[in-house]
Amino acid sequence: MDDDVWIPIAASNGWIVITRDGAMLRRPVETTAIRSASARHIALDPEKRQLNLWQELEIVVTQWRAIERLQEEPGPWVRFATRSGLRRVL
């Protein structure tokens, strides 16, 4: 499914999307979809290109409480997540 289709669907369901795609902000179609749908995204450690499943899980579990607190924050926004924290980039 194309990004401009699934991003609004996720946003309309109130979901926070957790993705490995840290390059989303370099693609105009995705950035436009995030902004227009007021979507909320978390990208897992975009500086590291090849995270294994354990490393991805470790980031999510380490940041889970911070992610839960974001549930009430309206979009659009994108945050990058690492083991040490969340950083807003949009």
PDB file of N, CA and C in Angstrom:
ATOM      1  N   MET A   1       0.848  -1.170   0.000  1.00  0.00           N
ATOM      2  CA  MET A   1       0.000   0.000   0.000  1.00  0.00           C
ATOM      3  C   MET A   1       0.898   1.239   0.000  1.00  0.00           C
ATOM      4  N   ASP A   2       0.560   2.195  -0.796  1.00  0.00           N
ATOM      5  CA  ASP A   2       1.358   3.416  -0.886  1.00  0.00           C
ATOM      6  C   ASP A   2       1.268   4.229   0.404  1.00  0.00           C
ATOM      7  N   ASP A   3       2.341   4.975   0.674  1.00  0.00           N
ATOM      8  CA  ASP A   3       2.418   5.764   1.900  1.00  0.00           C
ATOM      9  C   ASP A   3       1.283   6.781   2.014  1.00  0.00           C
ATOM     10  N   ASP A   4       0.914   7.399   0.901  1.00  0.00           N
ATOM     11  CA  ASP A   4      -0.137   8.413   0.965  1.00  0.00           C
ATOM     12  C   ASP A   4      -1.513   7.799   1.197  1.00  0.00           C
ATOM     13  N   VAL A   5      -1.599   6.459   1.189  1.00  0.00           N
ATOM     14  CA  VAL A   5      -2.847   5.760   1.497  1.00  0.00           C
ATOM     15  C   VAL A   5      -2.851   5.285   2.950  1.00  0.00           C
ATOM     16  N   TRP A   6      -1.796   4.584   3.384  1.00  0.00           N
ATOM     17  CA  TRP A   6      -1.826   3.997   4.727  1.00  0.00           C
ATOM     18  C   TRP A   6      -1.578   5.012   5.837  1.00  0.00           C
ATOM     19  N   ILE A   7      -0.816   6.069   5.579  1.00  0.00           N
ATOM     20  CA  ILE A   7      -0.553   7.055   6.632  1.00  0.00           C
ATOM     21  C   ILE A   7      -1.853   7.714   7.108  1.00  0.00           C
ATOM     22  N   PRO A   8      -2.720   8.193   6.207  1.00  0.00           N
ATOM     23  CA  PRO A   8      -3.993   8.745   6.699  1.00  0.00           C
ATOM     24  C   PRO A   8      -4.880   7.724   7.423  1.00  0.00           C
ATOM     25  N   ILE A   9      -4.817   6.477   7.003  1.00  0.00           N
ATOM     26  CA  ILE A   9      -5.596   5.435   7.683  1.00  0.00           C
ATOM     27  C   ILE A   9      -5.104   5.254   9.112  1.00  0.00           C
ATOM     28  N   ALA A  10      -3.794   5.160   9.278  1.00  0.00           N
ATOM     29  CA  ALA A  10      -3.224   5.021  10.626  1.00  0.00           C
ATOM     30  C   ALA A  10      -3.576   6.227  11.488  1.00  0.00           C
ATOM     31  N   ALA A  11      -3.472   7.420  10.914  1.00  0.00           N
ATOM     32  CA  ALA A  11      -3.775   8.644  11.664  1.00  0.00           C
ATOM     33  C   ALA A  11      -5.249   8.694  12.063  1.00  0.00           C
ATOM     34  N   SER A  12      -6.133   8.278  11.157  1.00  0.00           N
ATOM     35  CA  SER A  12      -7.564   8.329  11.463  1.00  0.00           C
ATOM     36  C   SER A  12      -7.957   7.346  12.566  1.00  0.00           C
ATOM     37  N   ASN A  13      -7.142   6.319  12.763  1.00  0.00           N
ATOM     38  CA  ASN A  13      -7.375   5.371  13.843  1.00  0.00           C
ATOM     39  C   ASN A  13      -6.743   5.815  15.162  1.00  0.00           C
ATOM     40  N   GLY A  14      -6.015   6.938  15.122  1.00  0.00           N
ATOM     41  CA  GLY A  14      -5.374   7.446  16.334  1.00  0.00           C
ATOM     42  C   GLY A  14      -4.097   6.723  16.698  1.00  0.00           C
ATOM     43  N   TRP A  15      -3.544   5.981  15.757  1.00  0.00           N
ATOM     44  CA  TRP A  15      -2.345   5.193  16.032  1.00  0.00           C
ATOM     45  C   TRP A  15      -1.090   6.040  15.980  1.00  0.00           C
ATOM     46  N   ILE A  16      -0.133   5.674  16.816  1.00  0.00           N
ATOM     47  CA  ILE A  16       1.233   6.178  16.688  1.00  0.00           C
ATOM     48  C   ILE A  16       1.978   5.113  15.907  1.00  0.00           C
ATOM     49  N   VAL A  17       2.506   5.472  14.766  1.00  0.00           N
ATOM     50  CA  VAL A  17       3.219   4.525  13.911  1.00  0.00           C
ATOM     51  C   VAL A  17       4.657   4.399  14.397  1.00  0.00           C
ATOM     52  N   ILE A  18       5.112   3.182  14.571  1.00  0.00           N
ATOM     53  CA  ILE A  18       6.514   2.918  14.900  1.00  0.00           C
ATOM     54  C   ILE A  18       7.124   2.236  13.687  1.00  0.00           C
ATOM     55  N   THR A  19       8.180   2.843  13.163  1.00  0.00           N
ATOM     56  CA  THR A  19       8.756   2.381  11.907  1.00  0.00           C
ATOM     57  C   THR A  19      10.279   2.343  11.972  1.00  0.00           C
ATOM     58  N   ARG A  20      10.867   1.603  11.060  1.00  0.00           N
ATOM     59  CA  ARG A  20      12.330   1.611  10.908  1.00  0.00           C
ATOM     60  C   ARG A  20      12.765   2.620   9.870  1.00  0.00           C
ATOM     61  N   ASP A  21      11.829   3.295   9.253  1.00  0.00           N
ATOM     62  CA  ASP A  21      12.114   4.178   8.130  1.00  0.00           C
ATOM     63  C   ASP A  21      12.448   5.595   8.598  1.00  0.00           C
ATOM     64  N   GLY A  22      13.712   5.834   8.852  1.00  0.00           N
ATOM     65  CA  GLY A  22      14.149   7.153   9.262  1.00  0.00           C
ATOM     66  C   GLY A  22      14.274   8.128   8.112  1.00  0.00           C
ATOM     67  N   ALA A  23      14.161   7.644   6.886  1.00  0.00           N
ATOM     68  CA  ALA A  23      14.297   8.504   5.706  1.00  0.00           C
ATOM     69  C   ALA A  23      12.972   9.110   5.271  1.00  0.00           C
ATOM     70  N   MET A  24      11.915   8.856   6.011  1.00  0.00           N
ATOM     71  CA  MET A  24      10.590   9.315   5.597  1.00  0.00           C
ATOM     72  C   MET A  24      10.527  10.825   5.379  1.00  0.00           C
ATOM     73  N   LEU A  25      11.296  11.572   6.131  1.00  0.00           N
ATOM     74  CA  LEU A  25      11.245  13.027   6.014  1.00  0.00           C
ATOM     75  C   LEU A  25      11.984  13.551   4.786  1.00  0.00           C
ATOM     76  N   ARG A  26      12.701  12.682   4.100  1.00  0.00           N
ATOM     77  CA  ARG A  26      13.385  13.085   2.865  1.00  0.00           C
ATOM     78  C   ARG A  26      12.536  12.824   1.634  1.00  0.00           C
ATOM     79  N   ARG A  27      11.368  12.241   1.835  1.00  0.00           N
ATOM     80  CA  ARG A  27      10.475  11.939   0.712  1.00  0.00           C
ATOM     81  C   ARG A  27       9.219  12.818   0.812  1.00  0.00           C
ATOM     82  N   PRO A  28       9.033  13.704  -0.152  1.00  0.00           N
ATOM     83  CA  PRO A  28       7.919  14.655  -0.082  1.00  0.00           C
ATOM     84  C   PRO A  28       6.536  14.010   0.051  1.00  0.00           C
ATOM     85  N   VAL A  29       6.319  12.876  -0.598  1.00  0.00           N
ATOM     86  CA  VAL A  29       5.000  12.231  -0.518  1.00  0.00           C
ATOM     87  C   VAL A  29       4.692  11.844   0.925  1.00  0.00           C
ATOM     88  N   GLU A  30       5.667  11.269   1.619  1.00  0.00           N
ATOM     89  CA  GLU A  30       5.443  10.861   3.007  1.00  0.00           C
ATOM     90  C   GLU A  30       5.295  12.066   3.927  1.00  0.00           C
ATOM     91  N   THR A  31       6.155  13.055   3.743  1.00  0.00           N
ATOM     92  CA  THR A  31       6.080  14.240   4.593  1.00  0.00           C
ATOM     93  C   THR A  31       4.731  14.936   4.425  1.00  0.00           C
ATOM     94  N   THR A  32       4.277  15.055   3.207  1.00  0.00           N
ATOM     95  CA  THR A  32       2.970  15.668   2.940  1.00  0.00           C
ATOM     96  C   THR A  32       1.851  14.853   3.571  1.00  0.00           C
ATOM     97  N   ALA A  33       1.926  13.538   3.445  1.00  0.00           N
ATOM     98  CA  ALA A  33       0.896  12.676   4.035  1.00  0.00           C
ATOM     99  C   ALA A  33       0.881  12.797   5.558  1.00  0.00           C
ATOM    100  N   ILE A  34       2.045  12.842   6.172  1.00  0.00           N
ATOM    101  CA  ILE A  34       2.131  12.979   7.635  1.00  0.00           C
ATOM    102  C   ILE A  34       1.511  14.300   8.068  1.00  0.00           C
ATOM    103  N   ARG A  35       1.890  15.370   7.393  1.00  0.00           N
ATOM    104  CA  ARG A  35       1.371  16.697   7.763  1.00  0.00           C
ATOM    105  C   ARG A  35      -0.138  16.803   7.529  1.00  0.00           C
ATOM    106  N   SER A  36      -0.588  16.400   6.361  1.00  0.00           N
ATOM    107  CA  SER A  36      -2.011  16.583   6.032  1.00  0.00           C
ATOM    108  C   SER A  36      -2.925  15.676   6.860  1.00  0.00           C
ATOM    109  N   ALA A  37      -2.441  14.524   7.280  1.00  0.00           N
ATOM    110  CA  ALA A  37      -3.253  13.607   8.081  1.00  0.00           C
ATOM    111  C   ALA A  37      -3.063  13.822   9.586  1.00  0.00           C
ATOM    112  N   SER A  38      -2.181  14.754   9.955  1.00  0.00           N
ATOM    113  CA  SER A  38      -1.838  14.967  11.374  1.00  0.00           C
ATOM    114  C   SER A  38      -1.373  13.653  12.011  1.00  0.00           C
ATOM    115  N   ALA A  39      -0.536  12.937  11.271  1.00  0.00           N
ATOM    116  CA  ALA A  39      -0.049  11.635  11.712  1.00  0.00           C
ATOM    117  C   ALA A  39       1.040  11.784  12.774  1.00  0.00           C
ATOM    118  N   ARG A  40       1.263  10.686  13.489  1.00  0.00           N
ATOM    119  CA  ARG A  40       2.271  10.644  14.549  1.00  0.00           C
ATOM    120  C   ARG A  40       3.160   9.425  14.306  1.00  0.00           C
ATOM    121  N   HIS A  41       4.453   9.685  14.144  1.00  0.00           N
ATOM    122  CA  HIS A  41       5.402   8.632  13.786  1.00  0.00           C
ATOM    123  C   HIS A  41       6.594   8.622  14.720  1.00  0.00           C
ATOM    124  N   ILE A  42       7.078   7.430  14.986  1.00  0.00           N
ATOM    125  CA  ILE A  42       8.336   7.236  15.700  1.00  0.00           C
ATOM    126  C   ILE A  42       9.214   6.357  14.815  1.00  0.00           C
ATOM    127  N   ALA A  43      10.393   6.855  14.473  1.00  0.00           N
ATOM    128  CA  ALA A  43      11.351   6.094  13.664  1.00  0.00           C
ATOM    129  C   ALA A  43      12.444   5.561  14.585  1.00  0.00           C
ATOM    130  N   LEU A  44      12.700   4.272  14.499  1.00  0.00           N
ATOM    131  CA  LEU A  44      13.696   3.627  15.356  1.00  0.00           C
ATOM    132  C   LEU A  44      15.106   3.881  14.860  1.00  0.00           C
ATOM    133  N   ASP A  45      15.881   4.548  15.676  1.00  0.00           N
ATOM    134  CA  ASP A  45      17.303   4.837  15.472  1.00  0.00           C
ATOM    135  C   ASP A  45      17.693   4.966  14.013  1.00  0.00           C
ATOM    136  N   PRO A  46      17.283   6.065  13.377  1.00  0.00           N
ATOM    137  CA  PRO A  46      17.538   6.203  11.936  1.00  0.00           C
ATOM    138  C   PRO A  46      19.005   6.330  11.562  1.00  0.00           C
ATOM    139  N   GLU A  47      19.865   6.570  12.516  1.00  0.00           N
ATOM    140  CA  GLU A  47      21.300   6.662  12.217  1.00  0.00           C
ATOM    141  C   GLU A  47      21.903   5.280  11.961  1.00  0.00           C
ATOM    142  N   LYS A  48      21.279   4.255  12.502  1.00  0.00           N
ATOM    143  CA  LYS A  48      21.772   2.883  12.314  1.00  0.00           C
ATOM    144  C   LYS A  48      20.949   2.226  11.224  1.00  0.00           C
ATOM    145  N   ARG A  49      21.593   1.812  10.192  1.00  0.00           N
ATOM    146  CA  ARG A  49      20.892   1.285   9.024  1.00  0.00           C
ATOM    147  C   ARG A  49      20.383  -0.154   9.216  1.00  0.00           C
ATOM    148  N   GLN A  50      21.095  -0.957   9.964  1.00  0.00           N
ATOM    149  CA  GLN A  50      20.747  -2.369  10.058  1.00  0.00           C
ATOM    150  C   GLN A  50      20.534  -2.797  11.504  1.00  0.00           C
ATOM    151  N   LEU A  51      19.429  -2.402  12.087  1.00  0.00           N
ATOM    152  CA  LEU A  51      19.093  -2.879  13.421  1.00  0.00           C
ATOM    153  C   LEU A  51      18.526  -4.289  13.303  1.00  0.00           C
ATOM    154  N   ASN A  52      18.932  -5.158  14.210  1.00  0.00           N
ATOM    155  CA  ASN A  52      18.294  -6.469  14.218  1.00  0.00           C
ATOM    156  C   ASN A  52      17.030  -6.396  15.078  1.00  0.00           C
ATOM    157  N   LEU A  53      16.254  -7.445  15.064  1.00  0.00           N
ATOM    158  CA  LEU A  53      14.979  -7.462  15.771  1.00  0.00           C
ATOM    159  C   LEU A  53      15.157  -7.170  17.264  1.00  0.00           C
ATOM    160  N   TRP A  54      16.174  -7.739  17.874  1.00  0.00           N
ATOM    161  CA  TRP A  54      16.421  -7.504  19.293  1.00  0.00           C
ATOM    162  C   TRP A  54      16.706  -6.022  19.563  1.00  0.00           C
ATOM    163  N   GLN A  55      17.513  -5.378  18.720  1.00  0.00           N
ATOM    164  CA  GLN A  55      17.827  -3.963  18.909  1.00  0.00           C
ATOM    165  C   GLN A  55      16.579  -3.094  18.747  1.00  0.00           C
ATOM    166  N   GLU A  56      15.735  -3.441  17.796  1.00  0.00           N
ATOM    167  CA  GLU A  56      14.479  -2.709  17.624  1.00  0.00           C
ATOM    168  C   GLU A  56      13.596  -2.858  18.855  1.00  0.00           C
ATOM    169  N   LEU A  57      13.451  -4.083  19.330  1.00  0.00           N
ATOM    170  CA  LEU A  57      12.645  -4.343  20.514  1.00  0.00           C
ATOM    171  C   LEU A  57      13.201  -3.617  21.734  1.00  0.00           C
ATOM    172  N   GLU A  58      14.504  -3.601  21.860  1.00  0.00           N
ATOM    173  CA  GLU A  58      15.152  -2.928  22.983  1.00  0.00           C
ATOM    174  C   GLU A  58      14.810  -1.431  23.000  1.00  0.00           C
ATOM    175  N   ILE A  59      14.819  -0.788  21.853  1.00  0.00           N
ATOM    176  CA  ILE A  59      14.460   0.632  21.781  1.00  0.00           C
ATOM    177  C   ILE A  59      13.005   0.832  22.187  1.00  0.00           C
ATOM    178  N   VAL A  60      12.107   0.030  21.634  1.00  0.00           N
ATOM    179  CA  VAL A  60      10.686   0.182  21.946  1.00  0.00           C
ATOM    180  C   VAL A  60      10.425  -0.035  23.431  1.00  0.00           C
ATOM    181  N   VAL A  61      10.977  -1.085  24.001  1.00  0.00           N
ATOM    182  CA  VAL A  61      10.747  -1.372  25.420  1.00  0.00           C
ATOM    183  C   VAL A  61      11.357  -0.289  26.305  1.00  0.00           C
ATOM    184  N   THR A  62      12.552   0.150  25.974  1.00  0.00           N
ATOM    185  CA  THR A  62      13.220   1.186  26.764  1.00  0.00           C
ATOM    186  C   THR A  62      12.434   2.494  26.747  1.00  0.00           C
ATOM    187  N   GLN A  63      11.810   2.812  25.626  1.00  0.00           N
ATOM    188  CA  GLN A  63      11.105   4.087  25.481  1.00  0.00           C
ATOM    189  C   GLN A  63       9.578   3.976  25.632  1.00  0.00           C
ATOM    190  N   TRP A  64       9.097   2.803  26.024  1.00  0.00           N
ATOM    191  CA  TRP A  64       7.656   2.581  26.029  1.00  0.00           C
ATOM    192  C   TRP A  64       6.881   3.594  26.868  1.00  0.00           C
ATOM    193  N   ARG A  65       7.345   3.917  28.056  1.00  0.00           N
ATOM    194  CA  ARG A  65       6.620   4.884  28.892  1.00  0.00           C
ATOM    195  C   ARG A  65       6.565   6.257  28.218  1.00  0.00           C
ATOM    196  N   ALA A  66       7.662   6.672  27.602  1.00  0.00           N
ATOM    197  CA  ALA A  66       7.679   7.954  26.899  1.00  0.00           C
ATOM    198  C   ALA A  66       6.724   7.912  25.699  1.00  0.00           C
ATOM    199  N   ILE A  67       6.672   6.786  25.009  1.00  0.00           N
ATOM    200  CA  ILE A  67       5.758   6.634  23.879  1.00  0.00           C
ATOM    201  C   ILE A  67       4.310   6.706  24.361  1.00  0.00           C
ATOM    202  N   GLU A  68       4.004   6.060  25.457  1.00  0.00           N
ATOM    203  CA  GLU A  68       2.645   6.118  26.011  1.00  0.00           C
ATOM    204  C   GLU A  68       2.241   7.549  26.353  1.00  0.00           C
ATOM    205  N   ARG A  69       3.163   8.330  26.890  1.00  0.00           N
ATOM    206  CA  ARG A  69       2.854   9.724  27.228  1.00  0.00           C
ATOM    207  C   ARG A  69       2.522  10.546  25.979  1.00  0.00           C
ATOM    208  N   LEU A  70       3.038  10.133  24.840  1.00  0.00           N
ATOM    209  CA  LEU A  70       2.776  10.848  23.593  1.00  0.00           C
ATOM    210  C   LEU A  70       1.375  10.596  23.044  1.00  0.00           C
ATOM    211  N   GLN A  71       0.677   9.623  23.583  1.00  0.00           N
ATOM    212  CA  GLN A  71      -0.652   9.272  23.080  1.00  0.00           C
ATOM    213  C   GLN A  71      -1.595  10.468  23.079  1.00  0.00           C
ATOM    214  N   GLU A  72      -1.440  11.365  24.032  1.00  0.00           N
ATOM    215  CA  GLU A  72      -2.334  12.523  24.119  1.00  0.00           C
ATOM    216  C   GLU A  72      -1.860  13.709  23.275  1.00  0.00           C
ATOM    217  N   GLU A  73      -0.669  13.644  22.722  1.00  0.00           N
ATOM    218  CA  GLU A  73      -0.126  14.764  21.950  1.00  0.00           C
ATOM    219  C   GLU A  73      -0.607  14.683  20.501  1.00  0.00           C
ATOM    220  N   PRO A  74      -1.321  15.710  20.054  1.00  0.00           N
ATOM    221  CA  PRO A  74      -1.837  15.661  18.678  1.00  0.00           C
ATOM    222  C   PRO A  74      -0.715  15.786  17.648  1.00  0.00           C
ATOM    223  N   GLY A  75      -0.973  15.246  16.466  1.00  0.00           N
ATOM    224  CA  GLY A  75      -0.018  15.342  15.374  1.00  0.00           C
ATOM    225  C   GLY A  75      -0.266  16.598  14.581  1.00  0.00           C
ATOM    226  N   PRO A  76       0.533  16.838  13.586  1.00  0.00           N
ATOM    227  CA  PRO A  76       1.548  15.923  13.066  1.00  0.00           C
ATOM    228  C   PRO A  76       2.866  16.069  13.807  1.00  0.00           C
ATOM    229  N   TRP A  77       3.536  14.938  13.972  1.00  0.00           N
ATOM    230  CA  TRP A  77       4.900  14.950  14.491  1.00  0.00           C
ATOM    231  C   TRP A  77       5.611  13.654  14.124  1.00  0.00           C
ATOM    232  N   VAL A  78       6.939  13.763  14.107  1.00  0.00           N
ATOM    233  CA  VAL A  78       7.826  12.608  13.924  1.00  0.00           C
ATOM    234  C   VAL A  78       8.892  12.723  14.986  1.00  0.00           C
ATOM    235  N   ARG A  79       9.191  11.616  15.630  1.00  0.00           N
ATOM    236  CA  ARG A  79      10.282  11.555  16.597  1.00  0.00           C
ATOM    237  C   ARG A  79      11.207  10.407  16.226  1.00  0.00           C
ATOM    238  N   PHE A  80      12.492  10.627  16.449  1.00  0.00           N
ATOM    239  CA  PHE A  80      13.467   9.557  16.299  1.00  0.00           C
ATOM    240  C   PHE A  80      13.690   8.952  17.676  1.00  0.00           C
ATOM    241  N   ALA A  81      13.702   7.632  17.745  1.00  0.00           N
ATOM    242  CA  ALA A  81      13.855   6.922  19.007  1.00  0.00           C
ATOM    243  C   ALA A  81      15.168   6.148  19.042  1.00  0.00           C
ATOM    244  N   THR A  82      15.873   6.290  20.145  1.00  0.00           N
ATOM    245  CA  THR A  82      17.064   5.495  20.427  1.00  0.00           C
ATOM    246  C   THR A  82      16.897   4.939  21.832  1.00  0.00           C
ATOM    247  N   ARG A  83      17.833   4.143  22.267  1.00  0.00           N
ATOM    248  CA  ARG A  83      17.761   3.633  23.639  1.00  0.00           C
ATOM    249  C   ARG A  83      17.812   4.764  24.657  1.00  0.00           C
ATOM    250  N   SER A  84      18.451   5.866  24.302  1.00  0.00           N
ATOM    251  CA  SER A  84      18.621   6.951  25.261  1.00  0.00           C
ATOM    252  C   SER A  84      17.508   7.995  25.230  1.00  0.00           C
ATOM    253  N   GLY A  85      16.587   7.938  24.292  1.00  0.00           N
ATOM    254  CA  GLY A  85      15.501   8.904  24.304  1.00  0.00           C
ATOM    255  C   GLY A  85      14.785   9.077  22.988  1.00  0.00           C
ATOM    256  N   LEU A  86      13.856  10.030  22.997  1.00  0.00           N
ATOM    257  CA  LEU A  86      13.095  10.400  21.820  1.00  0.00           C
ATOM    258  C   LEU A  86      13.449  11.837  21.454  1.00  0.00           C
ATOM    259  N   ARG A  87      13.599  12.083  20.161  1.00  0.00           N
ATOM    260  CA  ARG A  87      13.946  13.433  19.698  1.00  0.00           C
ATOM    261  C   ARG A  87      12.965  13.835  18.609  1.00  0.00           C
ATOM    262  N   ARG A  88      12.294  14.962  18.822  1.00  0.00           N
ATOM    263  CA  ARG A  88      11.337  15.450  17.830  1.00  0.00           C
ATOM    264  C   ARG A  88      12.065  16.032  16.623  1.00  0.00           C
ATOM    265  N   VAL A  89      11.658  15.597  15.429  1.00  0.00           N
ATOM    266  CA  VAL A  89      12.266  16.096  14.192  1.00  0.00           C
ATOM    267  C   VAL A  89      11.234  16.745  13.279  1.00  0.00           C
ATOM    268  N   LEU A  90       9.962  16.582  13.600  1.00  0.00           N
ATOM    269  CA  LEU A  90       8.884  17.257  12.864  1.00  0.00           C
ATOM    270  C   LEU A  90       7.744  17.473  13.829  1.00  0.00           C
TER     271      LEU A  90
END
